[in-house]
Amino acid sequence: MSTRKMNNIILGFIGILAFVTLIPKVQAQQPMDMMSCGDGTTTIIVSTPELTIMGIETKGINLDNLASKAFDNMTYHMVGVLKIESGKLAGTLYAKYMDPSGDFVVIEISQVGMERDWKYLYGTGKWKGVTGGGKAFPFTKGKPISPGTSQSCAKITGTYELKK
């Protein structure tokens, strides 16, 4: 066998080996694109022209925009504290998202202005060991149906990875 043929065989083998070992890494991280809509209540703790601090509690449901429908019909419960200081909004929120089978994930959300960065903290069942995160942007807000309530939707994007 010629040296050139042998080199081609070795390079081909290395290429196949590299492809096979990279497949799990490429497939492991999955995209997310969903819409969460819900209804919430707000409790004002402090309200002055310089500083407002409020507690919020929201419950709602997801609509998954991707074909996998991995997050479709997940219900959620979110609580947090928001602060408006010198006209600037910031806060931290925590949410539990539960899928139709009862398995759930817990996420932490850091909000600055209307942009929310989030990350996974915990998961159960098929979500055990989940990692990842992304961004969320509120895109609609209706007129409150009752005083102290809010009705809104947010677009949530990001990635997630499940331990194999």
N, C-alpha and C. Protein backbone atom coordinates (compact mmCIF):
# COMPACT_ATOMS: atom_id res chain seq x y z
N MET A 1 0.85 -1.16 0.00
CA MET A 1 0.00 0.00 0.00
C MET A 1 0.90 1.23 0.00
N SER A 2 0.52 2.22 -0.80
CA SER A 2 1.35 3.41 -0.91
C SER A 2 1.19 4.29 0.32
N THR A 3 2.20 5.13 0.54
CA THR A 3 2.18 6.06 1.67
C THR A 3 1.01 7.02 1.55
N ARG A 4 0.73 7.44 0.33
CA ARG A 4 -0.37 8.38 0.11
C ARG A 4 -1.71 7.76 0.48
N LYS A 5 -1.93 6.49 0.07
CA LYS A 5 -3.18 5.80 0.41
C LYS A 5 -3.30 5.62 1.92
N MET A 6 -2.18 5.27 2.54
CA MET A 6 -2.17 5.07 3.99
C MET A 6 -2.50 6.38 4.71
N ASN A 7 -1.93 7.50 4.25
CA ASN A 7 -2.22 8.80 4.86
C ASN A 7 -3.70 9.16 4.69
N ASN A 8 -4.27 8.88 3.52
CA ASN A 8 -5.69 9.15 3.29
C ASN A 8 -6.57 8.31 4.21
N ILE A 9 -6.20 7.06 4.41
CA ILE A 9 -6.97 6.19 5.30
C ILE A 9 -6.89 6.71 6.73
N ILE A 10 -5.69 7.09 7.16
CA ILE A 10 -5.51 7.61 8.52
C ILE A 10 -6.30 8.91 8.69
N LEU A 11 -6.20 9.83 7.71
CA LEU A 11 -6.94 11.08 7.79
C LEU A 11 -8.45 10.83 7.80
N GLY A 12 -8.89 9.89 6.99
CA GLY A 12 -10.31 9.54 6.97
C GLY A 12 -10.76 9.00 8.31
N PHE A 13 -9.96 8.13 8.91
CA PHE A 13 -10.28 7.57 10.21
C PHE A 13 -10.34 8.67 11.28
N ILE A 14 -9.36 9.58 11.25
CA ILE A 14 -9.34 10.69 12.21
C ILE A 14 -10.57 11.57 12.02
N GLY A 15 -10.94 11.83 10.76
CA GLY A 15 -12.13 12.64 10.48
C GLY A 15 -13.39 12.00 11.01
N ILE A 16 -13.55 10.70 10.79
CA ILE A 16 -14.74 9.98 11.29
C ILE A 16 -14.74 9.99 12.81
N LEU A 17 -13.58 9.73 13.42
CA LEU A 17 -13.47 9.73 14.87
C LEU A 17 -13.85 11.11 15.44
N ALA A 18 -13.35 12.17 14.83
CA ALA A 18 -13.67 13.53 15.29
C ALA A 18 -15.16 13.81 15.14
N PHE A 19 -15.74 13.41 14.03
CA PHE A 19 -17.17 13.61 13.78
C PHE A 19 -18.01 12.89 14.83
N VAL A 20 -17.67 11.63 15.09
CA VAL A 20 -18.43 10.83 16.05
C VAL A 20 -18.30 11.39 17.46
N THR A 21 -17.12 11.86 17.85
CA THR A 21 -16.96 12.39 19.21
C THR A 21 -17.59 13.76 19.36
N LEU A 22 -17.75 14.52 18.28
CA LEU A 22 -18.36 15.84 18.38
C LEU A 22 -19.89 15.80 18.33
N ILE A 23 -20.47 14.75 17.80
CA ILE A 23 -21.93 14.67 17.68
C ILE A 23 -22.63 14.89 19.02
N PRO A 24 -22.23 14.19 20.10
CA PRO A 24 -22.95 14.42 21.36
C PRO A 24 -22.85 15.87 21.84
N LYS A 25 -21.72 16.54 21.61
CA LYS A 25 -21.57 17.92 22.05
C LYS A 25 -22.47 18.84 21.23
N VAL A 26 -22.57 18.60 19.96
CA VAL A 26 -23.40 19.44 19.09
C VAL A 26 -24.87 19.21 19.42
N GLN A 27 -25.25 17.95 19.64
CA GLN A 27 -26.65 17.64 19.91
C GLN A 27 -27.06 17.99 21.33
N ALA A 28 -26.12 18.11 22.25
CA ALA A 28 -26.45 18.31 23.65
C ALA A 28 -27.10 19.66 23.90
N GLN A 29 -26.60 20.71 23.30
CA GLN A 29 -27.16 22.04 23.53
C GLN A 29 -28.33 22.26 22.57
N GLN A 30 -29.50 22.56 23.14
CA GLN A 30 -30.71 22.72 22.34
C GLN A 30 -31.21 24.16 22.42
N PRO A 31 -31.80 24.66 21.32
CA PRO A 31 -32.32 26.03 21.35
C PRO A 31 -33.68 26.10 22.05
N MET A 32 -34.01 27.28 22.51
CA MET A 32 -35.31 27.55 23.12
C MET A 32 -35.89 28.82 22.48
N ASP A 33 -37.17 28.80 22.24
CA ASP A 33 -37.87 29.98 21.72
C ASP A 33 -39.34 29.81 22.09
N MET A 34 -39.78 30.56 23.07
CA MET A 34 -41.15 30.39 23.54
C MET A 34 -41.74 31.72 23.98
N MET A 35 -43.01 31.65 24.25
CA MET A 35 -43.75 32.80 24.74
C MET A 35 -44.40 32.39 26.06
N SER A 36 -44.22 33.22 27.09
CA SER A 36 -44.87 33.00 28.38
C SER A 36 -45.86 34.13 28.61
N CYS A 37 -47.09 33.76 28.92
CA CYS A 37 -48.11 34.75 29.22
C CYS A 37 -48.69 34.44 30.59
N GLY A 38 -48.97 35.51 31.35
CA GLY A 38 -49.50 35.27 32.67
C GLY A 38 -50.18 36.46 33.29
N ASP A 39 -50.60 36.25 34.51
CA ASP A 39 -51.32 37.23 35.30
C ASP A 39 -50.59 37.36 36.63
N GLY A 40 -50.37 38.60 37.06
CA GLY A 40 -49.62 38.79 38.29
C GLY A 40 -50.21 39.83 39.20
N THR A 41 -49.72 39.80 40.43
CA THR A 41 -50.08 40.81 41.41
C THR A 41 -48.82 41.53 41.85
N THR A 42 -48.98 42.78 42.21
CA THR A 42 -47.87 43.61 42.64
C THR A 42 -48.18 44.15 44.03
N THR A 43 -47.19 44.07 44.92
CA THR A 43 -47.33 44.65 46.24
C THR A 43 -46.26 45.73 46.39
N ILE A 44 -46.68 46.96 46.53
CA ILE A 44 -45.75 48.09 46.69
C ILE A 44 -45.26 48.10 48.14
N ILE A 45 -43.94 48.09 48.29
CA ILE A 45 -43.34 48.14 49.63
C ILE A 45 -42.97 49.58 49.97
N VAL A 46 -42.36 50.28 49.00
CA VAL A 46 -41.97 51.68 49.15
C VAL A 46 -42.32 52.39 47.84
N SER A 47 -42.87 53.58 47.94
CA SER A 47 -43.16 54.34 46.73
C SER A 47 -42.93 55.82 47.00
N THR A 48 -41.78 56.31 46.51
CA THR A 48 -41.45 57.74 46.60
C THR A 48 -41.02 58.17 45.21
N PRO A 49 -40.89 59.47 44.96
CA PRO A 49 -40.40 59.90 43.65
C PRO A 49 -38.99 59.37 43.33
N GLU A 50 -38.18 59.11 44.34
CA GLU A 50 -36.82 58.64 44.11
C GLU A 50 -36.68 57.12 44.11
N LEU A 51 -37.56 56.43 44.84
CA LEU A 51 -37.40 54.99 45.03
C LEU A 51 -38.74 54.29 45.14
N THR A 52 -38.87 53.23 44.35
CA THR A 52 -40.03 52.35 44.46
C THR A 52 -39.51 50.92 44.56
N ILE A 53 -40.01 50.19 45.54
CA ILE A 53 -39.68 48.77 45.68
C ILE A 53 -40.99 48.01 45.75
N MET A 54 -41.07 46.94 44.95
CA MET A 54 -42.31 46.17 44.90
C MET A 54 -42.01 44.68 44.81
N GLY A 55 -42.91 43.91 45.41
CA GLY A 55 -42.87 42.47 45.27
C GLY A 55 -43.85 42.08 44.18
N ILE A 56 -43.49 41.08 43.38
CA ILE A 56 -44.41 40.62 42.34
C ILE A 56 -44.59 39.10 42.44
N GLU A 57 -45.75 38.65 42.03
CA GLU A 57 -46.04 37.23 41.94
C GLU A 57 -46.86 37.02 40.67
N THR A 58 -46.40 36.13 39.82
CA THR A 58 -47.04 35.89 38.52
C THR A 58 -47.23 34.40 38.30
N LYS A 59 -48.33 34.03 37.66
CA LYS A 59 -48.58 32.64 37.26
C LYS A 59 -49.07 32.66 35.82
N GLY A 60 -48.66 31.64 35.04
CA GLY A 60 -49.08 31.61 33.64
C GLY A 60 -48.71 30.33 32.95
N ILE A 61 -48.63 30.40 31.62
CA ILE A 61 -48.41 29.22 30.78
C ILE A 61 -47.53 29.58 29.58
N ASN A 62 -46.84 28.58 29.03
CA ASN A 62 -45.93 28.75 27.89
C ASN A 62 -46.53 28.22 26.59
N LEU A 63 -46.07 28.84 25.51
CA LEU A 63 -46.33 28.36 24.16
C LEU A 63 -44.97 28.24 23.49
N ASP A 64 -44.55 27.02 23.15
CA ASP A 64 -43.24 26.78 22.53
C ASP A 64 -43.34 27.07 21.04
N ASN A 65 -42.41 27.87 20.52
CA ASN A 65 -42.41 28.23 19.10
C ASN A 65 -41.62 27.26 18.23
N LEU A 66 -40.93 26.28 18.83
CA LEU A 66 -40.11 25.33 18.07
C LEU A 66 -40.85 24.02 17.84
N ALA A 67 -40.43 23.28 16.84
CA ALA A 67 -41.08 22.01 16.48
C ALA A 67 -40.99 20.97 17.60
N SER A 68 -39.94 21.03 18.42
CA SER A 68 -39.76 20.04 19.49
C SER A 68 -40.87 20.13 20.54
N LYS A 69 -41.43 21.32 20.72
CA LYS A 69 -42.50 21.57 21.70
C LYS A 69 -42.10 21.14 23.12
N ALA A 70 -40.80 21.16 23.42
CA ALA A 70 -40.28 20.73 24.73
C ALA A 70 -40.84 21.57 25.88
N PHE A 71 -41.17 22.83 25.62
CA PHE A 71 -41.64 23.72 26.68
C PHE A 71 -43.11 24.10 26.54
N ASP A 72 -43.81 23.45 25.60
CA ASP A 72 -45.21 23.75 25.36
C ASP A 72 -46.06 23.35 26.56
N ASN A 73 -47.00 24.19 26.91
CA ASN A 73 -47.94 23.95 27.99
C ASN A 73 -47.30 23.81 29.37
N MET A 74 -46.06 24.30 29.52
CA MET A 74 -45.47 24.39 30.86
C MET A 74 -46.18 25.52 31.58
N THR A 75 -46.56 25.28 32.82
CA THR A 75 -47.13 26.35 33.63
C THR A 75 -46.02 26.89 34.53
N TYR A 76 -46.18 28.13 34.97
CA TYR A 76 -45.13 28.70 35.81
C TYR A 76 -45.68 29.50 36.96
N HIS A 77 -44.83 29.63 37.98
CA HIS A 77 -45.09 30.45 39.15
C HIS A 77 -43.81 31.24 39.40
N MET A 78 -43.91 32.56 39.37
CA MET A 78 -42.73 33.41 39.51
C MET A 78 -42.96 34.42 40.64
N VAL A 79 -41.90 34.62 41.44
CA VAL A 79 -41.92 35.64 42.49
C VAL A 79 -40.65 36.46 42.39
N GLY A 80 -40.69 37.68 42.89
CA GLY A 80 -39.47 38.48 42.86
C GLY A 80 -39.67 39.85 43.45
N VAL A 81 -38.57 40.59 43.46
CA VAL A 81 -38.57 41.96 43.94
C VAL A 81 -37.99 42.85 42.86
N LEU A 82 -38.67 43.94 42.57
CA LEU A 82 -38.21 44.93 41.59
C LEU A 82 -37.99 46.27 42.30
N LYS A 83 -37.01 46.99 41.81
CA LYS A 83 -36.67 48.30 42.37
C LYS A 83 -36.60 49.30 41.22
N ILE A 84 -37.22 50.45 41.42
CA ILE A 84 -37.08 51.56 40.48
C ILE A 84 -36.41 52.68 41.27
N GLU A 85 -35.18 52.96 40.88
CA GLU A 85 -34.40 54.00 41.56
C GLU A 85 -33.90 54.98 40.53
N SER A 86 -34.22 56.25 40.73
CA SER A 86 -33.86 57.30 39.76
C SER A 86 -34.35 56.94 38.36
N GLY A 87 -35.54 56.34 38.28
CA GLY A 87 -36.13 56.00 37.00
C GLY A 87 -35.60 54.73 36.35
N LYS A 88 -34.68 54.02 37.01
CA LYS A 88 -34.08 52.80 36.44
C LYS A 88 -34.62 51.57 37.15
N LEU A 89 -35.13 50.62 36.36
CA LEU A 89 -35.72 49.39 36.87
C LEU A 89 -34.66 48.30 36.99
N ALA A 90 -34.66 47.58 38.11
CA ALA A 90 -33.78 46.43 38.30
C ALA A 90 -34.45 45.49 39.29
N GLY A 91 -34.08 44.21 39.22
CA GLY A 91 -34.66 43.26 40.17
C GLY A 91 -34.18 41.85 39.96
N THR A 92 -34.58 40.99 40.88
CA THR A 92 -34.28 39.56 40.82
C THR A 92 -35.58 38.80 41.00
N LEU A 93 -35.77 37.79 40.15
CA LEU A 93 -36.98 36.98 40.18
C LEU A 93 -36.59 35.51 40.15
N TYR A 94 -37.45 34.67 40.68
CA TYR A 94 -37.26 33.22 40.64
C TYR A 94 -38.55 32.60 40.12
N ALA A 95 -38.41 31.59 39.27
CA ALA A 95 -39.59 30.96 38.69
C ALA A 95 -39.44 29.44 38.67
N LYS A 96 -40.58 28.79 38.85
CA LYS A 96 -40.69 27.34 38.71
C LYS A 96 -41.56 27.10 37.48
N TYR A 97 -41.01 26.39 36.49
CA TYR A 97 -41.75 26.01 35.28
C TYR A 97 -42.01 24.51 35.35
N MET A 98 -43.28 24.11 35.30
CA MET A 98 -43.65 22.69 35.41
C MET A 98 -44.23 22.19 34.09
N ASP A 99 -43.71 21.05 33.61
CA ASP A 99 -44.24 20.49 32.36
C ASP A 99 -45.49 19.67 32.65
N PRO A 100 -46.22 19.26 31.60
CA PRO A 100 -47.47 18.53 31.81
C PRO A 100 -47.31 17.22 32.59
N SER A 101 -46.08 16.64 32.63
CA SER A 101 -45.89 15.39 33.38
C SER A 101 -45.61 15.65 34.86
N GLY A 102 -45.40 16.92 35.25
CA GLY A 102 -45.12 17.24 36.65
C GLY A 102 -43.65 17.50 36.94
N ASP A 103 -42.76 17.21 35.98
CA ASP A 103 -41.34 17.54 36.16
C ASP A 103 -41.19 19.05 36.05
N PHE A 104 -40.19 19.61 36.74
CA PHE A 104 -40.06 21.06 36.71
C PHE A 104 -38.61 21.53 36.71
N VAL A 105 -38.45 22.81 36.35
CA VAL A 105 -37.17 23.49 36.40
C VAL A 105 -37.36 24.75 37.24
N VAL A 106 -36.27 25.20 37.86
CA VAL A 106 -36.26 26.45 38.60
C VAL A 106 -35.24 27.35 37.92
N ILE A 107 -35.63 28.58 37.67
CA ILE A 107 -34.72 29.54 37.03
C ILE A 107 -34.57 30.79 37.89
N GLU A 108 -33.45 31.45 37.69
CA GLU A 108 -33.16 32.73 38.33
C GLU A 108 -33.10 33.79 37.24
N ILE A 109 -33.75 34.92 37.47
CA ILE A 109 -33.84 35.98 36.48
C ILE A 109 -33.27 37.27 37.06
N SER A 110 -32.40 37.88 36.31
CA SER A 110 -31.86 39.19 36.67
C SER A 110 -32.41 40.19 35.66
N GLN A 111 -33.13 41.19 36.15
CA GLN A 111 -33.76 42.16 35.26
C GLN A 111 -33.12 43.52 35.40
N VAL A 112 -32.77 44.13 34.26
CA VAL A 112 -32.29 45.51 34.19
C VAL A 112 -33.08 46.16 33.08
N GLY A 113 -33.84 47.19 33.41
CA GLY A 113 -34.74 47.78 32.41
C GLY A 113 -35.78 46.73 32.04
N MET A 114 -36.05 46.61 30.76
CA MET A 114 -37.02 45.60 30.31
C MET A 114 -36.35 44.30 29.87
N GLU A 115 -35.03 44.23 29.95
CA GLU A 115 -34.31 43.02 29.54
C GLU A 115 -34.08 42.12 30.74
N ARG A 116 -34.33 40.85 30.53
CA ARG A 116 -34.14 39.85 31.58
C ARG A 116 -33.13 38.80 31.12
N ASP A 117 -32.09 38.59 31.93
CA ASP A 117 -31.15 37.47 31.72
C ASP A 117 -31.55 36.39 32.70
N TRP A 118 -31.58 35.15 32.25
CA TRP A 118 -31.99 34.07 33.13
C TRP A 118 -31.07 32.88 32.98
N LYS A 119 -31.08 32.02 34.01
CA LYS A 119 -30.30 30.78 33.98
C LYS A 119 -31.02 29.71 34.80
N TYR A 120 -30.76 28.46 34.43
CA TYR A 120 -31.33 27.34 35.18
C TYR A 120 -30.59 27.16 36.49
N LEU A 121 -31.35 26.87 37.56
CA LEU A 121 -30.77 26.56 38.86
C LEU A 121 -30.96 25.09 39.24
N TYR A 122 -32.05 24.47 38.76
CA TYR A 122 -32.42 23.15 39.25
C TYR A 122 -33.44 22.52 38.32
N GLY A 123 -33.46 21.19 38.27
CA GLY A 123 -34.47 20.48 37.51
C GLY A 123 -34.78 19.13 38.12
N THR A 124 -35.99 18.63 37.89
CA THR A 124 -36.38 17.31 38.38
C THR A 124 -36.76 16.42 37.20
N GLY A 125 -36.82 15.11 37.43
CA GLY A 125 -37.23 14.17 36.39
C GLY A 125 -36.39 14.31 35.15
N LYS A 126 -37.03 14.46 34.00
CA LYS A 126 -36.28 14.57 32.74
C LYS A 126 -35.44 15.84 32.67
N TRP A 127 -35.70 16.82 33.55
CA TRP A 127 -34.95 18.08 33.59
C TRP A 127 -33.81 18.05 34.60
N LYS A 128 -33.61 16.93 35.27
CA LYS A 128 -32.55 16.84 36.29
C LYS A 128 -31.19 17.15 35.65
N GLY A 129 -30.44 18.04 36.28
CA GLY A 129 -29.12 18.42 35.79
C GLY A 129 -29.13 19.41 34.63
N VAL A 130 -30.28 19.99 34.32
CA VAL A 130 -30.37 20.93 33.19
C VAL A 130 -29.46 22.13 33.43
N THR A 131 -28.83 22.59 32.36
CA THR A 131 -28.02 23.80 32.40
C THR A 131 -28.40 24.67 31.20
N GLY A 132 -28.03 25.92 31.26
CA GLY A 132 -28.29 26.82 30.16
C GLY A 132 -28.89 28.12 30.65
N GLY A 133 -29.32 28.91 29.71
CA GLY A 133 -29.91 30.20 30.05
C GLY A 133 -30.20 30.99 28.80
N GLY A 134 -30.55 32.25 29.00
CA GLY A 134 -30.87 33.07 27.85
C GLY A 134 -31.42 34.42 28.25
N LYS A 135 -32.30 34.94 27.42
CA LYS A 135 -32.87 36.27 27.60
C LYS A 135 -34.39 36.21 27.49
N ALA A 136 -35.03 37.17 28.12
CA ALA A 136 -36.48 37.30 28.02
C ALA A 136 -36.81 38.79 27.87
N PHE A 137 -37.79 39.06 27.03
CA PHE A 137 -38.22 40.43 26.79
C PHE A 137 -39.74 40.50 26.86
N PRO A 138 -40.29 41.26 27.82
CA PRO A 138 -41.73 41.47 27.80
C PRO A 138 -42.10 42.18 26.49
N PHE A 139 -43.16 41.71 25.81
CA PHE A 139 -43.51 42.34 24.54
C PHE A 139 -44.95 42.84 24.49
N THR A 140 -45.73 42.53 25.49
CA THR A 140 -47.08 43.05 25.53
C THR A 140 -47.52 43.17 26.98
N LYS A 141 -48.36 44.13 27.22
CA LYS A 141 -48.91 44.30 28.56
C LYS A 141 -50.28 44.91 28.41
N GLY A 142 -51.29 44.22 28.93
CA GLY A 142 -52.65 44.72 28.82
C GLY A 142 -52.98 45.67 29.95
N LYS A 143 -54.10 46.35 29.80
CA LYS A 143 -54.60 47.21 30.87
C LYS A 143 -55.00 46.29 32.02
N PRO A 144 -54.55 46.59 33.25
CA PRO A 144 -54.88 45.72 34.39
C PRO A 144 -56.39 45.52 34.52
N ILE A 145 -56.80 44.28 34.63
CA ILE A 145 -58.21 43.96 34.76
C ILE A 145 -58.74 44.34 36.14
N SER A 146 -57.85 44.33 37.14
CA SER A 146 -58.18 44.73 38.51
C SER A 146 -57.01 45.52 39.08
N PRO A 147 -57.26 46.42 40.02
CA PRO A 147 -56.15 47.18 40.63
C PRO A 147 -55.12 46.23 41.24
N GLY A 148 -53.83 46.57 41.08
CA GLY A 148 -52.75 45.77 41.66
C GLY A 148 -52.41 44.51 40.88
N THR A 149 -52.98 44.37 39.66
CA THR A 149 -52.66 43.19 38.84
C THR A 149 -51.98 43.62 37.55
N SER A 150 -51.39 42.64 36.88
CA SER A 150 -50.84 42.87 35.54
C SER A 150 -51.06 41.63 34.71
N GLN A 151 -51.27 41.81 33.42
CA GLN A 151 -51.42 40.73 32.47
C GLN A 151 -50.44 41.02 31.34
N SER A 152 -49.53 40.05 31.07
CA SER A 152 -48.50 40.33 30.08
C SER A 152 -47.95 39.05 29.48
N CYS A 153 -47.17 39.22 28.42
CA CYS A 153 -46.46 38.12 27.76
C CYS A 153 -45.01 38.51 27.56
N ALA A 154 -44.13 37.50 27.58
CA ALA A 154 -42.70 37.72 27.34
C ALA A 154 -42.20 36.69 26.34
N LYS A 155 -41.29 37.11 25.49
CA LYS A 155 -40.60 36.20 24.56
C LYS A 155 -39.34 35.72 25.26
N ILE A 156 -39.14 34.41 25.30
CA ILE A 156 -38.00 33.81 25.99
C ILE A 156 -37.18 33.02 24.98
N THR A 157 -35.90 33.33 24.91
CA THR A 157 -34.99 32.59 24.03
C THR A 157 -33.77 32.17 24.84
N GLY A 158 -33.07 31.18 24.32
CA GLY A 158 -31.85 30.72 24.98
C GLY A 158 -31.51 29.31 24.54
N THR A 159 -30.74 28.65 25.39
CA THR A 159 -30.35 27.26 25.12
C THR A 159 -30.45 26.47 26.42
N TYR A 160 -30.59 25.16 26.25
CA TYR A 160 -30.57 24.28 27.41
C TYR A 160 -29.80 23.01 27.04
N GLU A 161 -29.27 22.39 28.07
CA GLU A 161 -28.53 21.15 27.87
C GLU A 161 -28.89 20.21 29.00
N LEU A 162 -29.20 18.97 28.64
CA LEU A 162 -29.53 17.95 29.64
C LEU A 162 -28.35 17.00 29.79
N LYS A 163 -28.08 16.60 31.03
CA LYS A 163 -27.02 15.63 31.26
C LYS A 163 -27.44 14.30 30.67
N LYS A 164 -26.48 13.62 30.06
CA LYS A 164 -26.80 12.32 29.45
C LYS A 164 -26.48 11.20 30.40
